[in-house]
mmCIF file of all heavy atoms, coordinates in Angstrom:
data_MODEL
# 
_entry.id   MODEL 
# 
loop_
_atom_site.group_PDB 
_atom_site.id 
_atom_site.type_symbol 
_atom_site.label_atom_id 
_atom_site.label_alt_id 
_atom_site.label_comp_id 
_atom_site.label_asym_id 
_atom_site.label_entity_id 
_atom_site.label_seq_id 
_atom_site.pdbx_PDB_ins_code 
_atom_site.Cartn_x 
_atom_site.Cartn_y 
_atom_site.Cartn_z 
_atom_site.occupancy 
_atom_site.B_iso_or_equiv 
_atom_site.pdbx_formal_charge 
_atom_site.auth_seq_id 
_atom_site.auth_comp_id 
_atom_site.auth_asym_id 
_atom_site.auth_atom_id 
_atom_site.pdbx_PDB_model_num 
ATOM 1   N N   . ARG A 1 1  ? 0.810  -1.228 0.000   1.00 0.00 ? 1  ARG A N   1 
ATOM 2   C CA  . ARG A 1 1  ? 0.000  0.000  0.000   1.00 0.00 ? 1  ARG A CA  1 
ATOM 3   C C   . ARG A 1 1  ? 0.836  1.268  0.000   1.00 0.00 ? 1  ARG A C   1 
ATOM 4   O O   . ARG A 1 1  ? 0.583  2.179  -0.789  1.00 0.00 ? 1  ARG A O   1 
ATOM 5   C CB  . ARG A 1 1  ? -0.930 -0.002 1.216   1.00 0.00 ? 1  ARG A CB  1 
ATOM 6   C CG  . ARG A 1 1  ? -1.892 1.174  1.225   1.00 0.00 ? 1  ARG A CG  1 
ATOM 7   C CD  . ARG A 1 1  ? -2.892 1.088  2.345   1.00 0.00 ? 1  ARG A CD  1 
ATOM 8   N NE  . ARG A 1 1  ? -3.786 2.250  2.340   1.00 0.00 ? 1  ARG A NE  1 
ATOM 9   C CZ  . ARG A 1 1  ? -4.674 2.510  3.288   1.00 0.00 ? 1  ARG A CZ  1 
ATOM 10  N NH1 . ARG A 1 1  ? -4.811 1.666  4.319   1.00 0.00 ? 1  ARG A NH1 1 
ATOM 11  N NH2 . ARG A 1 1  ? -5.431 3.584  3.208   1.00 0.00 ? 1  ARG A NH2 1 
ATOM 12  N N   . HIS A 1 2  ? 1.802  1.364  0.921   1.00 0.00 ? 2  HIS A N   1 
ATOM 13  C CA  . HIS A 1 2  ? 2.629  2.571  1.014   1.00 0.00 ? 2  HIS A CA  1 
ATOM 14  C C   . HIS A 1 2  ? 4.103  2.184  0.938   1.00 0.00 ? 2  HIS A C   1 
ATOM 15  O O   . HIS A 1 2  ? 4.503  1.129  1.448   1.00 0.00 ? 2  HIS A O   1 
ATOM 16  C CB  . HIS A 1 2  ? 2.401  3.311  2.348   1.00 0.00 ? 2  HIS A CB  1 
ATOM 17  C CG  . HIS A 1 2  ? 0.970  3.601  2.674   1.00 0.00 ? 2  HIS A CG  1 
ATOM 18  N ND1 . HIS A 1 2  ? 0.130  4.286  1.825   1.00 0.00 ? 2  HIS A ND1 1 
ATOM 19  C CD2 . HIS A 1 2  ? 0.231  3.309  3.778   1.00 0.00 ? 2  HIS A CD2 1 
ATOM 20  C CE1 . HIS A 1 2  ? -1.064 4.409  2.388   1.00 0.00 ? 2  HIS A CE1 1 
ATOM 21  N NE2 . HIS A 1 2  ? -1.025 3.815  3.560   1.00 0.00 ? 2  HIS A NE2 1 
ATOM 22  N N   . VAL A 1 3  ? 4.908  3.062  0.341   1.00 0.00 ? 3  VAL A N   1 
ATOM 23  C CA  . VAL A 1 3  ? 6.356  2.876  0.292   1.00 0.00 ? 3  VAL A CA  1 
ATOM 24  C C   . VAL A 1 3  ? 7.020  4.199  0.660   1.00 0.00 ? 3  VAL A C   1 
ATOM 25  O O   . VAL A 1 3  ? 6.661  5.252  0.110   1.00 0.00 ? 3  VAL A O   1 
ATOM 26  C CB  . VAL A 1 3  ? 6.836  2.413  -1.097  1.00 0.00 ? 3  VAL A CB  1 
ATOM 27  C CG1 . VAL A 1 3  ? 8.355  2.259  -1.106  1.00 0.00 ? 3  VAL A CG1 1 
ATOM 28  C CG2 . VAL A 1 3  ? 6.171  1.092  -1.490  1.00 0.00 ? 3  VAL A CG2 1 
ATOM 29  N N   . ILE A 1 4  ? 7.983  4.123  1.561   1.00 0.00 ? 4  ILE A N   1 
ATOM 30  C CA  . ILE A 1 4  ? 8.708  5.301  2.035   1.00 0.00 ? 4  ILE A CA  1 
ATOM 31  C C   . ILE A 1 4  ? 10.178 5.127  1.676   1.00 0.00 ? 4  ILE A C   1 
ATOM 32  O O   . ILE A 1 4  ? 10.771 4.070  1.936   1.00 0.00 ? 4  ILE A O   1 
ATOM 33  C CB  . ILE A 1 4  ? 8.545  5.456  3.560   1.00 0.00 ? 4  ILE A CB  1 
ATOM 34  C CG1 . ILE A 1 4  ? 7.065  5.660  3.916   1.00 0.00 ? 4  ILE A CG1 1 
ATOM 35  C CG2 . ILE A 1 4  ? 9.382  6.603  4.099   1.00 0.00 ? 4  ILE A CG2 1 
ATOM 36  C CD1 . ILE A 1 4  ? 6.759  5.464  5.387   1.00 0.00 ? 4  ILE A CD1 1 
ATOM 37  N N   . VAL A 1 5  ? 10.764 6.133  1.068   1.00 0.00 ? 5  VAL A N   1 
ATOM 38  C CA  . VAL A 1 5  ? 12.191 6.131  0.725   1.00 0.00 ? 5  VAL A CA  1 
ATOM 39  C C   . VAL A 1 5  ? 12.822 7.395  1.274   1.00 0.00 ? 5  VAL A C   1 
ATOM 40  O O   . VAL A 1 5  ? 12.360 8.508  0.983   1.00 0.00 ? 5  VAL A O   1 
ATOM 41  C CB  . VAL A 1 5  ? 12.413 6.065  -0.803  1.00 0.00 ? 5  VAL A CB  1 
ATOM 42  C CG1 . VAL A 1 5  ? 13.909 6.092  -1.118  1.00 0.00 ? 5  VAL A CG1 1 
ATOM 43  C CG2 . VAL A 1 5  ? 11.778 4.813  -1.398  1.00 0.00 ? 5  VAL A CG2 1 
ATOM 44  N N   . ASP A 1 6  ? 13.851 7.217  2.100   1.00 0.00 ? 6  ASP A N   1 
ATOM 45  C CA  . ASP A 1 6  ? 14.582 8.360  2.653   1.00 0.00 ? 6  ASP A CA  1 
ATOM 46  C C   . ASP A 1 6  ? 13.646 9.292  3.428   1.00 0.00 ? 6  ASP A C   1 
ATOM 47  O O   . ASP A 1 6  ? 13.834 10.507 3.438   1.00 0.00 ? 6  ASP A O   1 
ATOM 48  C CB  . ASP A 1 6  ? 15.281 9.135  1.540   1.00 0.00 ? 6  ASP A CB  1 
ATOM 49  C CG  . ASP A 1 6  ? 16.620 9.713  1.990   1.00 0.00 ? 6  ASP A CG  1 
ATOM 50  O OD1 . ASP A 1 6  ? 17.361 8.993  2.692   1.00 0.00 ? 6  ASP A OD1 1 
ATOM 51  O OD2 . ASP A 1 6  ? 16.923 10.870 1.639   1.00 0.00 ? 6  ASP A OD2 1 
ATOM 52  N N   . GLY A 1 7  ? 12.632 8.714  4.057   1.00 0.00 ? 7  GLY A N   1 
ATOM 53  C CA  . GLY A 1 7  ? 11.689 9.497  4.852   1.00 0.00 ? 7  GLY A CA  1 
ATOM 54  C C   . GLY A 1 7  ? 10.562 10.116 4.059   1.00 0.00 ? 7  GLY A C   1 
ATOM 55  O O   . GLY A 1 7  ? 9.664  10.734 4.649   1.00 0.00 ? 7  GLY A O   1 
ATOM 56  N N   . ASN A 1 8  ? 10.549 9.960  2.730   1.00 0.00 ? 8  ASN A N   1 
ATOM 57  C CA  . ASN A 1 8  ? 9.502  10.525 1.881   1.00 0.00 ? 8  ASN A CA  1 
ATOM 58  C C   . ASN A 1 8  ? 8.524  9.439  1.437   1.00 0.00 ? 8  ASN A C   1 
ATOM 59  O O   . ASN A 1 8  ? 8.948  8.335  1.054   1.00 0.00 ? 8  ASN A O   1 
ATOM 60  C CB  . ASN A 1 8  ? 10.108 11.194 0.638   1.00 0.00 ? 8  ASN A CB  1 
ATOM 61  C CG  . ASN A 1 8  ? 10.983 12.379 0.994   1.00 0.00 ? 8  ASN A CG  1 
ATOM 62  O OD1 . ASN A 1 8  ? 10.580 13.250 1.757   1.00 0.00 ? 8  ASN A OD1 1 
ATOM 63  N ND2 . ASN A 1 8  ? 12.196 12.407 0.462   1.00 0.00 ? 8  ASN A ND2 1 
ATOM 64  N N   . ILE A 1 9  ? 7.250  9.742  1.463   1.00 0.00 ? 9  ILE A N   1 
ATOM 65  C CA  . ILE A 1 9  ? 6.237  8.797  1.007   1.00 0.00 ? 9  ILE A CA  1 
ATOM 66  C C   . ILE A 1 9  ? 6.206  8.861  -0.519  1.00 0.00 ? 9  ILE A C   1 
ATOM 67  O O   . ILE A 1 9  ? 5.679  9.812  -1.103  1.00 0.00 ? 9  ILE A O   1 
ATOM 68  C CB  . ILE A 1 9  ? 4.854  9.145  1.581   1.00 0.00 ? 9  ILE A CB  1 
ATOM 69  C CG1 . ILE A 1 9  ? 4.918  9.228  3.107   1.00 0.00 ? 9  ILE A CG1 1 
ATOM 70  C CG2 . ILE A 1 9  ? 3.826  8.108  1.148   1.00 0.00 ? 9  ILE A CG2 1 
ATOM 71  C CD1 . ILE A 1 9  ? 3.681  9.850  3.736   1.00 0.00 ? 9  ILE A CD1 1 
ATOM 72  N N   . VAL A 1 10 ? 6.786  7.858  -1.161  1.00 0.00 ? 10 VAL A N   1 
ATOM 73  C CA  . VAL A 1 10 ? 6.867  7.873  -2.626  1.00 0.00 ? 10 VAL A CA  1 
ATOM 74  C C   . VAL A 1 10 ? 5.753  7.048  -3.263  1.00 0.00 ? 10 VAL A C   1 
ATOM 75  O O   . VAL A 1 10 ? 5.439  7.235  -4.451  1.00 0.00 ? 10 VAL A O   1 
ATOM 76  C CB  . VAL A 1 10 ? 8.249  7.398  -3.119  1.00 0.00 ? 10 VAL A CB  1 
ATOM 77  C CG1 . VAL A 1 10 ? 9.334  8.378  -2.706  1.00 0.00 ? 10 VAL A CG1 1 
ATOM 78  C CG2 . VAL A 1 10 ? 8.573  6.010  -2.595  1.00 0.00 ? 10 VAL A CG2 1 
ATOM 79  N N   . VAL A 1 11 ? 5.167  6.133  -2.520  1.00 0.00 ? 11 VAL A N   1 
ATOM 80  C CA  . VAL A 1 11 ? 3.955  5.432  -2.950  1.00 0.00 ? 11 VAL A CA  1 
ATOM 81  C C   . VAL A 1 11 ? 2.948  5.547  -1.814  1.00 0.00 ? 11 VAL A C   1 
ATOM 82  O O   . VAL A 1 11 ? 3.228  5.137  -0.695  1.00 0.00 ? 11 VAL A O   1 
ATOM 83  C CB  . VAL A 1 11 ? 4.220  3.949  -3.272  1.00 0.00 ? 11 VAL A CB  1 
ATOM 84  C CG1 . VAL A 1 11 ? 2.903  3.222  -3.575  1.00 0.00 ? 11 VAL A CG1 1 
ATOM 85  C CG2 . VAL A 1 11 ? 5.182  3.801  -4.446  1.00 0.00 ? 11 VAL A CG2 1 
ATOM 86  N N   . ARG A 1 12 ? 1.806  6.156  -2.107  1.00 0.00 ? 12 ARG A N   1 
ATOM 87  C CA  . ARG A 1 12 ? 0.739  6.278  -1.117  1.00 0.00 ? 12 ARG A CA  1 
ATOM 88  C C   . ARG A 1 12 ? -0.541 5.682  -1.726  1.00 0.00 ? 12 ARG A C   1 
ATOM 89  O O   . ARG A 1 12 ? -0.938 6.039  -2.833  1.00 0.00 ? 12 ARG A O   1 
ATOM 90  C CB  . ARG A 1 12 ? 0.489  7.741  -0.742  1.00 0.00 ? 12 ARG A CB  1 
ATOM 91  C CG  . ARG A 1 12 ? -0.540 7.908  0.379   1.00 0.00 ? 12 ARG A CG  1 
ATOM 92  C CD  . ARG A 1 12 ? -0.964 9.350  0.534   1.00 0.00 ? 12 ARG A CD  1 
ATOM 93  N NE  . ARG A 1 12 ? 0.067  10.196 1.129   1.00 0.00 ? 12 ARG A NE  1 
ATOM 94  C CZ  . ARG A 1 12 ? 0.232  10.364 2.443   1.00 0.00 ? 12 ARG A CZ  1 
ATOM 95  N NH1 . ARG A 1 12 ? -0.555 9.726  3.302   1.00 0.00 ? 12 ARG A NH1 1 
ATOM 96  N NH2 . ARG A 1 12 ? 1.166  11.172 2.892   1.00 0.00 ? 12 ARG A NH2 1 
ATOM 97  N N   . ASP A 1 13 ? -1.129 4.778  -0.983  1.00 0.00 ? 13 ASP A N   1 
ATOM 98  C CA  . ASP A 1 13 ? -2.346 4.115  -1.469  1.00 0.00 ? 13 ASP A CA  1 
ATOM 99  C C   . ASP A 1 13 ? -2.152 3.547  -2.873  1.00 0.00 ? 13 ASP A C   1 
ATOM 100 O O   . ASP A 1 13 ? -2.991 3.711  -3.754  1.00 0.00 ? 13 ASP A O   1 
ATOM 101 C CB  . ASP A 1 13 ? -3.538 5.073  -1.424  1.00 0.00 ? 13 ASP A CB  1 
ATOM 102 C CG  . ASP A 1 13 ? -3.925 5.412  0.005   1.00 0.00 ? 13 ASP A CG  1 
ATOM 103 O OD1 . ASP A 1 13 ? -3.872 4.513  0.868   1.00 0.00 ? 13 ASP A OD1 1 
ATOM 104 O OD2 . ASP A 1 13 ? -4.289 6.584  0.249   1.00 0.00 ? 13 ASP A OD2 1 
ATOM 105 N N   . ARG A 1 14 ? -0.991 2.910  -3.053  1.00 0.00 ? 14 ARG A N   1 
ATOM 106 C CA  . ARG A 1 14 ? -0.659 2.156  -4.273  1.00 0.00 ? 14 ARG A CA  1 
ATOM 107 C C   . ARG A 1 14 ? -0.421 3.035  -5.497  1.00 0.00 ? 14 ARG A C   1 
ATOM 108 O O   . ARG A 1 14 ? -0.417 2.536  -6.629  1.00 0.00 ? 14 ARG A O   1 
ATOM 109 C CB  . ARG A 1 14 ? -1.755 1.118  -4.581  1.00 0.00 ? 14 ARG A CB  1 
ATOM 110 C CG  . ARG A 1 14 ? -1.959 0.111  -3.445  1.00 0.00 ? 14 ARG A CG  1 
ATOM 111 C CD  . ARG A 1 14 ? -3.087 -0.877 -3.743  1.00 0.00 ? 14 ARG A CD  1 
ATOM 112 N NE  . ARG A 1 14 ? -3.185 -1.879 -2.684  1.00 0.00 ? 14 ARG A NE  1 
ATOM 113 C CZ  . ARG A 1 14 ? -3.897 -1.747 -1.571  1.00 0.00 ? 14 ARG A CZ  1 
ATOM 114 N NH1 . ARG A 1 14 ? -4.596 -0.617 -1.374  1.00 0.00 ? 14 ARG A NH1 1 
ATOM 115 N NH2 . ARG A 1 14 ? -3.926 -2.690 -0.654  1.00 0.00 ? 14 ARG A NH2 1 
ATOM 116 N N   . ARG A 1 15 ? -0.216 4.320  -5.307  1.00 0.00 ? 15 ARG A N   1 
ATOM 117 C CA  . ARG A 1 15 ? 0.066  5.226  -6.419  1.00 0.00 ? 15 ARG A CA  1 
ATOM 118 C C   . ARG A 1 15 ? 1.337  6.012  -6.147  1.00 0.00 ? 15 ARG A C   1 
ATOM 119 O O   . ARG A 1 15 ? 1.589  6.445  -5.013  1.00 0.00 ? 15 ARG A O   1 
ATOM 120 C CB  . ARG A 1 15 ? -1.092 6.205  -6.648  1.00 0.00 ? 15 ARG A CB  1 
ATOM 121 C CG  . ARG A 1 15 ? -2.412 5.562  -7.012  1.00 0.00 ? 15 ARG A CG  1 
ATOM 122 C CD  . ARG A 1 15 ? -2.385 4.897  -8.375  1.00 0.00 ? 15 ARG A CD  1 
ATOM 123 N NE  . ARG A 1 15 ? -2.236 5.862  -9.468  1.00 0.00 ? 15 ARG A NE  1 
ATOM 124 C CZ  . ARG A 1 15 ? -2.165 5.518  -10.745 1.00 0.00 ? 15 ARG A CZ  1 
ATOM 125 N NH1 . ARG A 1 15 ? -2.194 4.245  -11.098 1.00 0.00 ? 15 ARG A NH1 1 
ATOM 126 N NH2 . ARG A 1 15 ? -2.053 6.440  -11.676 1.00 0.00 ? 15 ARG A NH2 1 
ATOM 127 N N   . LEU A 1 16 ? 2.136  6.194  -7.194  1.00 0.00 ? 16 LEU A N   1 
ATOM 128 C CA  . LEU A 1 16 ? 3.353  6.979  -7.083  1.00 0.00 ? 16 LEU A CA  1 
ATOM 129 C C   . LEU A 1 16 ? 3.001  8.425  -6.753  1.00 0.00 ? 16 LEU A C   1 
ATOM 130 O O   . LEU A 1 16 ? 2.083  8.999  -7.351  1.00 0.00 ? 16 LEU A O   1 
ATOM 131 C CB  . LEU A 1 16 ? 4.115  6.907  -8.405  1.00 0.00 ? 16 LEU A CB  1 
ATOM 132 C CG  . LEU A 1 16 ? 5.554  7.422  -8.431  1.00 0.00 ? 16 LEU A CG  1 
ATOM 133 C CD1 . LEU A 1 16 ? 6.450  6.572  -7.540  1.00 0.00 ? 16 LEU A CD1 1 
ATOM 134 C CD2 . LEU A 1 16 ? 6.079  7.397  -9.872  1.00 0.00 ? 16 LEU A CD2 1 
ATOM 135 N N   . THR A 1 17 ? 3.698  9.015  -5.802  1.00 0.00 ? 17 THR A N   1 
ATOM 136 C CA  . THR A 1 17 ? 3.414  10.399 -5.400  1.00 0.00 ? 17 THR A CA  1 
ATOM 137 C C   . THR A 1 17 ? 4.346  11.408 -6.048  1.00 0.00 ? 17 THR A C   1 
ATOM 138 O O   . THR A 1 17 ? 4.041  12.595 -6.093  1.00 0.00 ? 17 THR A O   1 
ATOM 139 C CB  . THR A 1 17 ? 3.541  10.551 -3.875  1.00 0.00 ? 17 THR A CB  1 
ATOM 140 O OG1 . THR A 1 17 ? 4.913  10.365 -3.496  1.00 0.00 ? 17 THR A OG1 1 
ATOM 141 C CG2 . THR A 1 17 ? 2.673  9.551  -3.133  1.00 0.00 ? 17 THR A CG2 1 
ATOM 142 N N   . THR A 1 18 ? 5.491  10.961 -6.538  1.00 0.00 ? 18 THR A N   1 
ATOM 143 C CA  . THR A 1 18 ? 6.497  11.892 -7.036  1.00 0.00 ? 18 THR A CA  1 
ATOM 144 C C   . THR A 1 18 ? 6.269  12.304 -8.484  1.00 0.00 ? 18 THR A C   1 
ATOM 145 O O   . THR A 1 18 ? 6.676  13.383 -8.903  1.00 0.00 ? 18 THR A O   1 
ATOM 146 C CB  . THR A 1 18 ? 7.893  11.269 -6.910  1.00 0.00 ? 18 THR A CB  1 
ATOM 147 O OG1 . THR A 1 18 ? 7.869  9.969  -7.526  1.00 0.00 ? 18 THR A OG1 1 
ATOM 148 C CG2 . THR A 1 18 ? 8.289  11.121 -5.444  1.00 0.00 ? 18 THR A CG2 1 
ATOM 149 N N   . VAL A 1 19 ? 5.650  11.411 -9.252  1.00 0.00 ? 19 VAL A N   1 
ATOM 150 C CA  . VAL A 1 19 ? 5.397  11.643 -10.673 1.00 0.00 ? 19 VAL A CA  1 
ATOM 151 C C   . VAL A 1 19 ? 3.997  11.132 -10.982 1.00 0.00 ? 19 VAL A C   1 
ATOM 152 O O   . VAL A 1 19 ? 3.576  10.090 -10.461 1.00 0.00 ? 19 VAL A O   1 
ATOM 153 C CB  . VAL A 1 19 ? 6.412  10.887 -11.565 1.00 0.00 ? 19 VAL A CB  1 
ATOM 154 C CG1 . VAL A 1 19 ? 6.158  11.168 -13.041 1.00 0.00 ? 19 VAL A CG1 1 
ATOM 155 C CG2 . VAL A 1 19 ? 7.847  11.245 -11.194 1.00 0.00 ? 19 VAL A CG2 1 
ATOM 156 N N   . ASP A 1 20 ? 3.282  11.843 -11.804 1.00 0.00 ? 20 ASP A N   1 
ATOM 157 C CA  . ASP A 1 20 ? 1.996  11.354 -12.280 1.00 0.00 ? 20 ASP A CA  1 
ATOM 158 C C   . ASP A 1 20 ? 2.257  10.104 -13.134 1.00 0.00 ? 20 ASP A C   1 
ATOM 159 O O   . ASP A 1 20 ? 2.895  10.178 -14.184 1.00 0.00 ? 20 ASP A O   1 
ATOM 160 C CB  . ASP A 1 20 ? 1.305  12.444 -13.114 1.00 0.00 ? 20 ASP A CB  1 
ATOM 161 C CG  . ASP A 1 20 ? -0.087 12.043 -13.585 1.00 0.00 ? 20 ASP A CG  1 
ATOM 162 O OD1 . ASP A 1 20 ? -0.403 10.833 -13.590 1.00 0.00 ? 20 ASP A OD1 1 
ATOM 163 O OD2 . ASP A 1 20 ? -0.863 12.950 -13.962 1.00 0.00 ? 20 ASP A OD2 1 
ATOM 164 N N   . GLU A 1 21 ? 1.778  8.955  -12.681 1.00 0.00 ? 21 GLU A N   1 
ATOM 165 C CA  . GLU A 1 21 ? 2.085  7.703  -13.368 1.00 0.00 ? 21 GLU A CA  1 
ATOM 166 C C   . GLU A 1 21 ? 1.649  7.716  -14.834 1.00 0.00 ? 21 GLU A C   1 
ATOM 167 O O   . GLU A 1 21 ? 2.298  7.105  -15.689 1.00 0.00 ? 21 GLU A O   1 
ATOM 168 C CB  . GLU A 1 21 ? 1.431  6.528  -12.641 1.00 0.00 ? 21 GLU A CB  1 
ATOM 169 C CG  . GLU A 1 21 ? 2.070  6.217  -11.295 1.00 0.00 ? 21 GLU A CG  1 
ATOM 170 C CD  . GLU A 1 21 ? 1.501  4.958  -10.659 1.00 0.00 ? 21 GLU A CD  1 
ATOM 171 O OE1 . GLU A 1 21 ? 0.846  4.165  -11.368 1.00 0.00 ? 21 GLU A OE1 1 
ATOM 172 O OE2 . GLU A 1 21 ? 1.715  4.761  -9.447  1.00 0.00 ? 21 GLU A OE2 1 
ATOM 173 N N   . SER A 1 22 ? 0.578  8.398  -15.138 1.00 0.00 ? 22 SER A N   1 
ATOM 174 C CA  . SER A 1 22 ? 0.106  8.425  -16.523 1.00 0.00 ? 22 SER A CA  1 
ATOM 175 C C   . SER A 1 22 ? 1.131  9.050  -17.460 1.00 0.00 ? 22 SER A C   1 
ATOM 176 O O   . SER A 1 22 ? 1.226  8.661  -18.635 1.00 0.00 ? 22 SER A O   1 
ATOM 177 C CB  . SER A 1 22 ? -1.233 9.164  -16.622 1.00 0.00 ? 22 SER A CB  1 
ATOM 178 O OG  . SER A 1 22 ? -1.080 10.544 -16.307 1.00 0.00 ? 22 SER A OG  1 
ATOM 179 N N   . THR A 1 23 ? 1.916  10.004 -16.955 1.00 0.00 ? 23 THR A N   1 
ATOM 180 C CA  . THR A 1 23 ? 2.934  10.617 -17.805 1.00 0.00 ? 23 THR A CA  1 
ATOM 181 C C   . THR A 1 23 ? 4.055  9.636  -18.127 1.00 0.00 ? 23 THR A C   1 
ATOM 182 O O   . THR A 1 23 ? 4.666  9.718  -19.201 1.00 0.00 ? 23 THR A O   1 
ATOM 183 C CB  . THR A 1 23 ? 3.519  11.872 -17.142 1.00 0.00 ? 23 THR A CB  1 
ATOM 184 O OG1 . THR A 1 23 ? 4.216  11.511 -15.938 1.00 0.00 ? 23 THR A OG1 1 
ATOM 185 C CG2 . THR A 1 23 ? 2.427  12.872 -16.793 1.00 0.00 ? 23 THR A CG2 1 
ATOM 186 N N   . ILE A 1 24 ? 4.322  8.705  -17.213 1.00 0.00 ? 24 ILE A N   1 
ATOM 187 C CA  . ILE A 1 24 ? 5.326  7.673  -17.484 1.00 0.00 ? 24 ILE A CA  1 
ATOM 188 C C   . ILE A 1 24 ? 4.836  6.747  -18.583 1.00 0.00 ? 24 ILE A C   1 
ATOM 189 O O   . ILE A 1 24 ? 5.560  6.445  -19.544 1.00 0.00 ? 24 ILE A O   1 
ATOM 190 C CB  . ILE A 1 24 ? 5.656  6.887  -16.205 1.00 0.00 ? 24 ILE A CB  1 
ATOM 191 C CG1 . ILE A 1 24 ? 6.283  7.814  -15.154 1.00 0.00 ? 24 ILE A CG1 1 
ATOM 192 C CG2 . ILE A 1 24 ? 6.601  5.720  -16.518 1.00 0.00 ? 24 ILE A CG2 1 
ATOM 193 C CD1 . ILE A 1 24 ? 6.604  7.146  -13.836 1.00 0.00 ? 24 ILE A CD1 1 
ATOM 194 N N   . TYR A 1 25 ? 3.591  6.290  -18.473 1.00 0.00 ? 25 TYR A N   1 
ATOM 195 C CA  . TYR A 1 25 ? 3.045  5.407  -19.496 1.00 0.00 ? 25 TYR A CA  1 
ATOM 196 C C   . TYR A 1 25 ? 2.982  6.111  -20.847 1.00 0.00 ? 25 TYR A C   1 
ATOM 197 O O   . TYR A 1 25 ? 3.246  5.498  -21.895 1.00 0.00 ? 25 TYR A O   1 
ATOM 198 C CB  . TYR A 1 25 ? 1.657  4.917  -19.085 1.00 0.00 ? 25 TYR A CB  1 
ATOM 199 C CG  . TYR A 1 25 ? 1.646  4.172  -17.767 1.00 0.00 ? 25 TYR A CG  1 
ATOM 200 C CD1 . TYR A 1 25 ? 0.676  4.424  -16.805 1.00 0.00 ? 25 TYR A CD1 1 
ATOM 201 C CD2 . TYR A 1 25 ? 2.613  3.218  -17.475 1.00 0.00 ? 25 TYR A CD2 1 
ATOM 202 C CE1 . TYR A 1 25 ? 0.671  3.745  -15.590 1.00 0.00 ? 25 TYR A CE1 1 
ATOM 203 C CE2 . TYR A 1 25 ? 2.619  2.534  -16.274 1.00 0.00 ? 25 TYR A CE2 1 
ATOM 204 C CZ  . TYR A 1 25 ? 1.638  2.806  -15.327 1.00 0.00 ? 25 TYR A CZ  1 
ATOM 205 O OH  . TYR A 1 25 ? 1.644  2.136  -14.141 1.00 0.00 ? 25 TYR A OH  1 
ATOM 206 N N   . ASP A 1 26 ? 2.657  7.391  -20.840 1.00 0.00 ? 26 ASP A N   1 
ATOM 207 C CA  . ASP A 1 26 ? 2.616  8.150  -22.100 1.00 0.00 ? 26 ASP A CA  1 
ATOM 208 C C   . ASP A 1 26 ? 4.015  8.242  -22.715 1.00 0.00 ? 26 ASP A C   1 
ATOM 209 O O   . ASP A 1 26 ? 4.179  8.115  -23.946 1.00 0.00 ? 26 ASP A O   1 
ATOM 210 C CB  . ASP A 1 26 ? 2.062  9.555  -21.856 1.00 0.00 ? 26 ASP A CB  1 
ATOM 211 C CG  . ASP A 1 26 ? 0.575  9.556  -21.537 1.00 0.00 ? 26 ASP A CG  1 
ATOM 212 O OD1 . ASP A 1 26 ? -0.090 8.531  -21.783 1.00 0.00 ? 26 ASP A OD1 1 
ATOM 213 O OD2 . ASP A 1 26 ? 0.086  10.583 -21.016 1.00 0.00 ? 26 ASP A OD2 1 
ATOM 214 N N   . ALA A 1 27 ? 5.029  8.482  -21.875 1.00 0.00 ? 27 ALA A N   1 
ATOM 215 C CA  . ALA A 1 27 ? 6.398  8.582  -22.377 1.00 0.00 ? 27 ALA A CA  1 
ATOM 216 C C   . ALA A 1 27 ? 6.857  7.260  -22.974 1.00 0.00 ? 27 ALA A C   1 
ATOM 217 O O   . ALA A 1 27 ? 7.553  7.223  -24.003 1.00 0.00 ? 27 ALA A O   1 
ATOM 218 C CB  . ALA A 1 27 ? 7.339  9.012  -21.244 1.00 0.00 ? 27 ALA A CB  1 
# 
């Protein structure tokens, strides 16, 4: 559900928080 790296929540509720995942799939 959640992933924390270096104290930052980078996955919250199974979604990446740092980048809009749709932009990755589009790229």
